[in-house]
Each structure stands twice: as C-alpha cells, then as structure tokens.
Protein backbone atom coordinates (compact mmCIF):
# COMPACT_ATOMS: atom_id res chain seq x y z
CA MET A 1 -8.11 13.75 1.53
CA PHE A 2 -5.76 11.02 0.19
CA ASP A 3 -4.14 14.36 -1.74
CA PHE A 4 -3.31 16.18 2.01
CA ILE A 5 -2.66 12.68 3.94
CA ALA A 6 -0.16 12.97 0.93
CA LYS A 7 1.10 16.21 1.98
CA LEU A 8 2.37 14.63 4.90
CA LEU A 9 3.70 11.55 4.02
CA GLY A 10 5.75 12.94 1.13
CA PRO A 11 8.79 15.18 3.38
CA VAL A 12 8.39 11.68 5.53
CA LEU A 13 9.51 9.71 3.18
CA HIS A 14 12.11 11.57 1.12
CA PHE A 15 13.77 12.30 4.70
CA ILE A 16 14.11 9.02 4.67
CA TYR A 17 15.58 8.70 0.98
CA GLU A 18 17.73 11.40 2.50
CA THR A 19 19.03 10.28 5.80
CA ILE A 20 19.33 7.02 7.05
CA ALA A 21 18.03 5.08 3.95
CA PHE A 22 21.02 6.43 1.89
CA HIS A 23 19.89 7.33 -1.01
CA ASN A 24 18.22 3.72 -1.56
CA TYR A 25 14.08 4.54 -2.34
CA GLY A 26 13.36 0.73 -1.50
CA LEU A 27 14.78 1.03 1.41
CA SER A 28 12.75 4.22 1.79
CA LEU A 29 9.67 2.01 1.50
CA ILE A 30 10.54 -0.80 3.98
CA LEU A 31 11.75 1.86 6.55
CA PHE A 32 8.51 4.11 6.61
CA THR A 33 6.32 0.98 6.59
CA VAL A 34 7.91 0.17 8.76
CA LEU A 35 7.45 3.39 10.82
CA ILE A 36 4.31 2.81 9.63
CA LYS A 37 3.34 0.09 11.31
CA ALA A 38 4.54 1.48 14.70
CA ALA A 39 2.04 4.27 14.38
CA LEU A 40 -0.41 1.99 13.93
CA LEU A 41 0.85 -0.60 17.38
CA PRO A 42 -1.60 1.15 19.94
CA LEU A 43 -4.66 -0.27 16.84
CA THR A 44 -3.31 -2.90 16.43
CA VAL A 45 -3.08 -3.51 20.09
CA LYS A 46 -6.14 -2.68 21.12
CA GLN A 47 -7.75 -4.61 17.84
CA LEU A 48 -5.30 -7.96 19.09
CA LYS A 49 -7.24 -7.35 22.78
CA SER A 50 -10.43 -7.18 21.26
CA THR A 51 -10.06 -10.95 19.35
CA ALA A 52 -9.23 -11.85 22.53
CA LYS A 53 -12.27 -10.60 24.46
CA MET A 54 -14.34 -12.00 21.78
CA GLN A 55 -13.27 -15.75 22.78
CA GLU A 56 -13.72 -15.11 26.30
CA ILE A 57 -16.92 -14.96 25.08
CA GLN A 58 -18.02 -17.51 22.76
CA PRO A 59 -19.00 -20.23 24.88
CA GLU A 60 -22.15 -18.02 26.10
CA VAL A 61 -22.61 -16.94 21.94
CA THR A 62 -22.39 -20.80 21.32
CA LYS A 63 -25.67 -21.16 24.35
CA LEU A 64 -26.90 -17.94 22.36
CA GLN A 65 -26.41 -19.55 18.94
CA GLN A 66 -28.77 -22.19 20.33
CA ARG A 67 -31.20 -20.77 21.97
CA TYR A 68 -32.14 -18.86 18.83
CA LYS A 69 -31.50 -21.02 15.89
CA ASN A 70 -34.58 -20.69 14.82
CA ASP A 71 -35.18 -16.82 15.12
CA LYS A 72 -32.11 -15.40 13.42
CA GLU A 73 -33.18 -11.40 14.14
CA LYS A 74 -33.99 -12.33 17.51
CA LEU A 75 -29.75 -13.61 16.91
CA ASN A 76 -28.06 -11.05 16.14
CA GLN A 77 -30.57 -8.84 19.05
CA GLU A 78 -29.48 -10.68 21.36
CA THR A 79 -25.65 -11.59 20.28
CA MET A 80 -25.55 -7.68 19.93
CA LYS A 81 -26.29 -6.84 23.21
CA LEU A 82 -24.12 -9.39 24.50
CA TYR A 83 -21.04 -7.34 22.70
CA GLN A 84 -22.64 -4.57 24.15
CA ASP A 85 -22.58 -5.69 28.07
CA LYS A 86 -19.28 -7.27 27.43
CA GLY A 87 -17.96 -4.43 26.13
CA VAL A 88 -16.98 -5.85 22.69
CA ASN A 89 -16.33 -5.41 19.44
CA PRO A 90 -16.60 -7.92 17.30
CA MET A 91 -16.31 -5.48 13.80
CA GLY A 92 -12.87 -3.99 16.27
CA GLY A 93 -10.28 -6.45 14.10
CA CYS A 94 -11.18 -4.96 11.32
CA LEU A 95 -9.81 -0.55 12.48
CA PRO A 96 -5.91 -1.67 11.05
CA MET A 97 -7.07 -2.00 7.97
CA LEU A 98 -9.70 0.26 7.74
CA VAL A 99 -7.06 2.87 9.28
CA GLN A 100 -5.13 1.89 7.08
CA LEU A 101 -7.00 2.51 3.55
CA PRO A 102 -6.55 6.25 3.51
CA ILE A 103 -2.38 6.03 4.28
CA LEU A 104 -2.70 3.26 1.07
CA PHE A 105 -4.60 6.20 -0.76
CA SER A 106 -1.86 8.72 -0.07
CA LEU A 107 1.11 6.51 -0.30
CA TYR A 108 -0.74 5.56 -3.87
CA TYR A 109 -0.19 10.13 -4.88
CA VAL A 110 3.47 10.41 -3.26
CA ILE A 111 4.22 7.31 -5.17
CA ARG A 112 3.33 8.43 -8.41
CA MET A 113 4.04 11.59 -8.61
CA PRO A 114 7.73 12.41 -5.77
CA LEU A 115 9.24 15.28 -7.17
CA THR A 116 5.22 17.00 -5.94
CA TYR A 117 4.84 15.02 -3.09
CA MET A 118 8.79 14.00 -2.06
CA TYR A 119 9.97 17.03 -2.94
CA GLY A 120 7.94 19.64 -3.40
CA TRP A 121 7.55 20.92 -7.03
CA THR A 122 5.49 22.91 -7.88
CA LYS A 123 3.69 22.64 -11.12
CA GLU A 124 5.66 25.59 -12.41
CA ALA A 125 8.95 24.06 -11.51
CA ILE A 126 7.65 20.37 -13.39
CA GLY A 127 6.60 21.99 -16.05
CA ASN A 128 10.15 23.84 -16.54
CA PHE A 129 12.05 20.12 -16.17
CA ILE A 130 10.37 18.07 -18.51
CA ILE A 131 11.35 22.10 -20.67
CA LYS A 132 14.63 21.20 -19.71
CA VAL A 133 15.09 17.13 -20.80
CA MET A 134 12.86 17.88 -23.70
CA SER A 135 14.90 20.23 -24.69
CA VAL A 136 18.45 18.39 -23.93
CA LEU A 137 18.17 15.13 -24.58
CA PRO A 138 13.67 15.05 -26.56
CA ASN A 139 15.10 10.97 -27.20
CA VAL A 140 14.91 10.32 -22.98
CA PHE A 141 11.22 9.29 -22.65
CA PRO A 142 9.64 5.99 -23.22
CA LEU A 143 8.24 5.33 -26.90
CA ASN A 144 4.68 5.30 -25.03
CA LEU A 145 5.64 8.42 -24.12
CA ASN A 146 4.93 9.32 -27.95
CA PRO A 147 1.71 11.40 -27.72
CA PHE A 148 3.16 14.25 -25.22
CA ILE A 149 5.87 14.48 -27.52
CA LYS A 150 3.65 14.81 -30.68
CA ASP A 151 2.17 18.01 -28.17
CA PHE A 152 4.59 19.13 -26.90
CA ASP A 153 5.66 21.60 -29.54
CA ALA A 154 2.60 23.77 -30.11
CA ILE A 155 3.33 24.50 -26.14
CA LYS A 156 6.70 23.81 -24.81
CA GLY A 157 6.76 28.10 -24.16
CA ASP A 158 4.72 27.42 -21.22
CA PRO A 159 5.65 25.14 -18.08
CA LEU A 160 1.82 24.22 -16.15
CA GLN A 161 0.45 23.83 -19.76
CA VAL A 162 3.80 21.31 -20.34
CA ALA A 163 3.02 20.34 -17.43
CA GLU A 164 -0.83 19.44 -17.28
CA LEU A 165 -0.21 17.73 -20.20
CA PHE A 166 2.28 16.00 -19.14
CA LYS A 167 -0.05 15.03 -16.44
CA ARG A 168 -3.49 14.14 -18.91
CA ASN A 169 -2.08 12.16 -22.07
CA PRO A 170 -1.57 10.35 -19.05
CA TYR A 171 1.24 10.18 -18.07
CA THR A 172 2.93 10.53 -13.52
CA GLU A 173 6.04 11.81 -12.49
CA ILE A 174 7.45 8.81 -11.61
CA ASN A 175 7.66 8.17 -15.23
CA LEU A 176 9.46 11.48 -15.73
CA VAL A 177 11.92 9.95 -13.55
CA GLY A 178 12.50 6.52 -14.47
CA ALA A 179 12.65 7.21 -17.84
CA ILE A 180 16.21 9.99 -17.29
CA ASN A 181 17.98 8.37 -14.42
CA ASP A 182 19.24 6.20 -17.03
CA MET A 183 20.70 9.19 -18.23
CA PRO A 184 21.89 11.44 -14.96
CA SER A 185 23.58 14.32 -16.75
CA ILE A 186 20.93 16.26 -18.07
CA ILE A 187 20.14 16.90 -14.02
CA ASP A 188 22.41 19.23 -11.99
CA GLY A 189 25.73 17.92 -10.79
CA GLY A 190 24.93 15.01 -12.66
CA GLU A 191 23.38 12.87 -10.07
CA LYS A 192 19.60 10.86 -10.08
CA ILE A 193 16.38 12.44 -8.87
CA ILE A 194 15.54 9.23 -7.30
CA ASN A 195 16.84 6.04 -7.51
CA LEU A 196 14.61 3.73 -8.45
CA ASN A 197 16.91 0.43 -8.25
CA PHE A 198 16.63 -1.79 -5.58
CA LEU A 199 18.41 -5.07 -4.82
CA GLY A 200 19.31 -4.31 -8.96
CA ILE A 201 16.45 -6.60 -8.93
CA PHE A 202 13.12 -4.73 -8.98
CA ASN A 203 12.73 -1.48 -11.36
CA LEU A 204 10.17 0.47 -7.97
CA GLY A 205 8.98 3.33 -10.87
CA VAL A 206 7.15 0.50 -13.16
CA ARG A 207 4.07 -0.04 -13.81
CA PRO A 208 3.89 -3.88 -13.57
CA THR A 209 1.22 -5.17 -16.37
CA TYR A 210 0.50 -8.06 -17.67
CA ASP A 211 0.27 -7.13 -21.58
CA PHE A 212 2.69 -10.47 -22.72
CA LYS A 213 3.92 -8.14 -25.01
CA LEU A 214 5.36 -5.88 -23.66
CA ILE A 215 7.10 -9.17 -21.01
CA SER A 216 8.82 -10.96 -24.23
CA GLU A 217 9.81 -7.67 -24.95
CA ASN A 218 11.90 -6.43 -21.85
CA PRO A 219 11.46 -9.60 -19.61
CA GLY A 220 14.47 -8.24 -17.42
CA LEU A 221 12.12 -5.39 -16.33
CA TYR A 222 8.63 -6.41 -16.04
CA ILE A 223 8.54 -10.23 -14.98
CA PRO A 224 10.50 -9.59 -10.88
CA ALA A 225 7.73 -6.94 -11.55
CA LEU A 226 4.72 -9.37 -11.52
CA VAL A 227 6.89 -11.86 -9.26
CA LEU A 228 6.40 -9.33 -6.80
CA VAL A 229 2.75 -8.60 -7.41
CA ILE A 230 2.09 -11.49 -6.00
CA ILE A 231 4.03 -12.58 -3.43
CA ALA A 232 1.58 -9.18 -2.39
CA VAL A 233 -1.57 -10.07 -2.46
CA ALA A 234 0.07 -14.10 -1.17
CA SER A 235 0.92 -12.58 1.86
CA THR A 236 -2.23 -9.23 1.75
CA TYR A 237 -3.63 -13.63 2.11
CA PHE A 238 -1.86 -15.06 4.81
CA SER A 239 -1.59 -11.80 6.90
CA THR A 240 -5.82 -11.69 6.72
CA LYS A 241 -5.92 -15.10 6.98
CA ILE A 242 -3.77 -14.90 10.30
CA SER A 243 -5.08 -12.24 11.51
CA MET A 244 -8.66 -12.85 11.30
CA ALA A 245 -8.51 -17.46 12.58
CA LYS A 246 -9.24 -16.21 15.89
CA SER A 247 -12.28 -14.70 15.00
CA GLN A 248 -13.59 -16.58 13.32
CA ALA A 249 -12.46 -19.58 15.62
CA ALA A 250 -15.39 -16.99 18.04
CA ASN A 251 -17.88 -16.71 15.63
CA SER A 252 -18.14 -19.74 13.87
CA GLY A 253 -21.04 -19.90 11.97
CA SER A 254 -22.22 -16.48 12.44
CA GLN A 255 -22.51 -12.53 10.07
CA VAL A 256 -19.73 -11.41 11.42
CA ASN A 257 -17.35 -14.59 10.10
CA GLN A 258 -18.79 -14.02 6.55
CA THR A 259 -18.11 -10.66 7.18
CA ASN A 260 -14.53 -12.03 7.65
CA LYS A 261 -14.30 -14.68 3.91
CA THR A 262 -15.60 -11.81 1.50
CA MET A 263 -12.57 -10.04 3.59
CA MET A 264 -9.93 -12.55 2.87
CA LEU A 265 -11.24 -12.52 -0.74
CA MET A 266 -12.12 -9.43 -1.21
CA GLY A 267 -8.19 -8.17 -0.04
CA PRO A 268 -6.16 -9.65 -2.50
CA PHE A 269 -8.44 -8.96 -4.97
CA MET A 270 -8.36 -5.07 -3.79
CA THR A 271 -4.09 -5.75 -3.78
CA LEU A 272 -4.18 -7.28 -7.12
CA PHE A 273 -6.30 -4.36 -8.77
CA ILE A 274 -4.41 -1.78 -7.78
CA SER A 275 -1.09 -2.99 -8.05
CA PHE A 276 -2.09 -3.13 -11.92
CA GLN A 277 -2.97 0.46 -11.66
CA ALA A 278 0.13 2.36 -9.81
CA PRO A 279 4.60 1.85 -9.26
CA LEU A 280 5.64 -1.26 -8.64
CA GLY A 281 6.87 0.41 -5.07
CA LEU A 282 3.08 -0.13 -4.59
CA SER A 283 3.42 -3.65 -4.18
CA LEU A 284 7.38 -3.54 -2.10
CA TYR A 285 5.09 -1.37 0.37
CA TRP A 286 2.09 -3.56 0.68
CA THR A 287 4.62 -6.73 0.55
CA ILE A 288 6.23 -5.74 3.75
CA SER A 289 3.55 -4.24 5.05
CA ASN A 290 1.92 -7.47 5.46
CA LEU A 291 4.65 -9.76 6.88
CA THR A 292 5.16 -6.53 9.68
CA GLN A 293 1.74 -7.81 11.13
CA ILE A 294 2.37 -11.65 10.13
CA ALA A 295 5.67 -11.02 12.59
CA GLN A 296 3.36 -8.64 15.14
CA GLN A 297 0.59 -11.00 14.82
CA ILE A 298 2.75 -14.80 15.80
CA PHE A 299 4.65 -13.16 18.12
CA THR A 300 1.81 -12.39 20.09
CA ASP A 301 0.25 -15.11 20.50
CA LYS A 302 3.66 -17.20 21.15
CA TYR A 303 4.97 -14.37 23.90
CA ILE A 304 2.05 -12.52 24.87
CA ASN A 305 -1.31 -14.83 25.26
CA LYS A 306 0.51 -17.55 26.01
CA LYS A 307 2.34 -15.11 29.57
CA LYS A 308 -0.99 -14.57 29.62
CA LYS A 309 -2.45 -18.11 29.97
CA GLU A 310 0.47 -19.07 32.31
CA GLY A 311 -0.97 -16.05 34.59
CA GLU A 312 -4.22 -17.18 34.46
C-alpha cells in the first residue's frame, strides 16, 4: 500500500520542486505539506465539529458518570449509547491523524528513494547511474559505503545487480544524491539532481544521529539535524496537546481521556524514533505539518468557535 501511495506522491513532490519551489527541496516539502493539509481540511473540520459536540453533551456524560460510578461496564454502555443517540464519535479527533499515517510512511519511501518515486527511474537506470558515478569518480561516496565499493567490481557489468547491491548494504538513493551533490560535473549538464541544502544550514538528505563520534567529526552537518528533530518532536507534542485539549476536558476521567493521554506521549515518541531512521527531510515535513495543524486549531478556536458562541 505504501509503495502505491508513494508512486502517487512522488510525481507531485517532483512537480512542486521543478516549478513553484524553484528547485528548492526544502521549500518543496513545505509546499507539499501545506497541500496535504489543505486536502485533509474537510476531515479536520469534521474533527473540530465532533469535538464541539463532545463539549455540548458533557453535562449528560457527567450525570452518567455520577449515576454509574460503581458500575464501569454499565457506564461504558450508557456512554456509548449517548454518543450514538447524539451522533457523536468520541474518537473523531483521531481520524485526521490516522489518515495522515499512510501518507507519512509513504513519504518516507519518497524521501529515501527520490530517483524511484520523484523521477520515476527504473532499477536499471539507477544501476547505470551508479556505474557511471563510480567510473568517473570512484571516491565520491563517503567512507561508510566501503562495503558496497568492495563488492562493486564483481557485478559492475549488470546494472540491476548494482542497484540491488546498493540498496541491500543498506543504502538509499538519497545517499547517492547527497554524495554527488558537491561534485555535479558527473551529471549531464553539470546540475544537481536534487539540491538537498535548505537555508544554508540543513542537509535534508542526511540521516540524524545521536552517535557522539559522528557528531563531533562533523558538527555542522549533524547538530542542525538534531535541532530539527527536537523541533519536530516538540511540535508533535504541542500539536497533539492542543488538538486534544477540548476532548480531554469533555471526557474527564473517561477511558477516551486515558486514550488521548497515551496518544499525546506516543506521538512524540514515534516522531523521535522514525526521525532517526529517515533522512532529515521527513523531520521537516513533520514539523511543518504540526505547525500548520496548530495554526488551524488556533484560528478555529479564536474566530470560528467564537463567532458560533456569539451567534447563540
């Protein structure tokens, strides 16, 4: 499923990169994120309406909690019956997040393998490109690609085997793109495939690390990556906290509230874990997505909900 979605997302990101983002990969990811959030806006509106309904029926929920405080099974039954009668989905606030997860994991594919998903290169084309790179400048790869270099000579006549070996070691196409970006002369026309530099600070192709040795050897590369990961984790926490604040108030002491608290912790943890497994571009996507979500929530609370209350 993720491969199928990645094949749909890749051309969109490539189009943005080649046109309105002016070949700025970071800006492409930002615009792509805003586009995704706009596409999910109907679900977001539905989520906010669900949260508002939860607030409206809170007095009735409180009465049920008092009436059946010694019978949790009956309380759950009556509470769910109330939700059904009022047309309320207690987990409605989680729907946009659940929809975004397949997009997130598919984008992980796109960011790791841009030649495959953004540019639509076949495995043979990628293998031929690696062979070309190795023939022109065999030392272009960083030292951690030594296992690949060691086995390359035995299979360099077969592009498919070369591509498979490169992927198996394991290395991804973003490693290849990043390694040659400082030496664009090996590419026809002398241009970079993807410019991974963002704001002159972040290399969106690097995979963040907490290995102190690597950080001390190249602080200019890895410290900014760690900073962006921390921002992504923090923004995930605050985005989840803000979006679930009203739901928690409306379900104080309930099982739904406990689930929400768990998600508030799981979201940042998942962000932290995945960020160290993926190129930095995914952390940028996550950060912009969270900031957009926060802005949507604040705008809704400040203007839309306020006008609704004034009109009552």
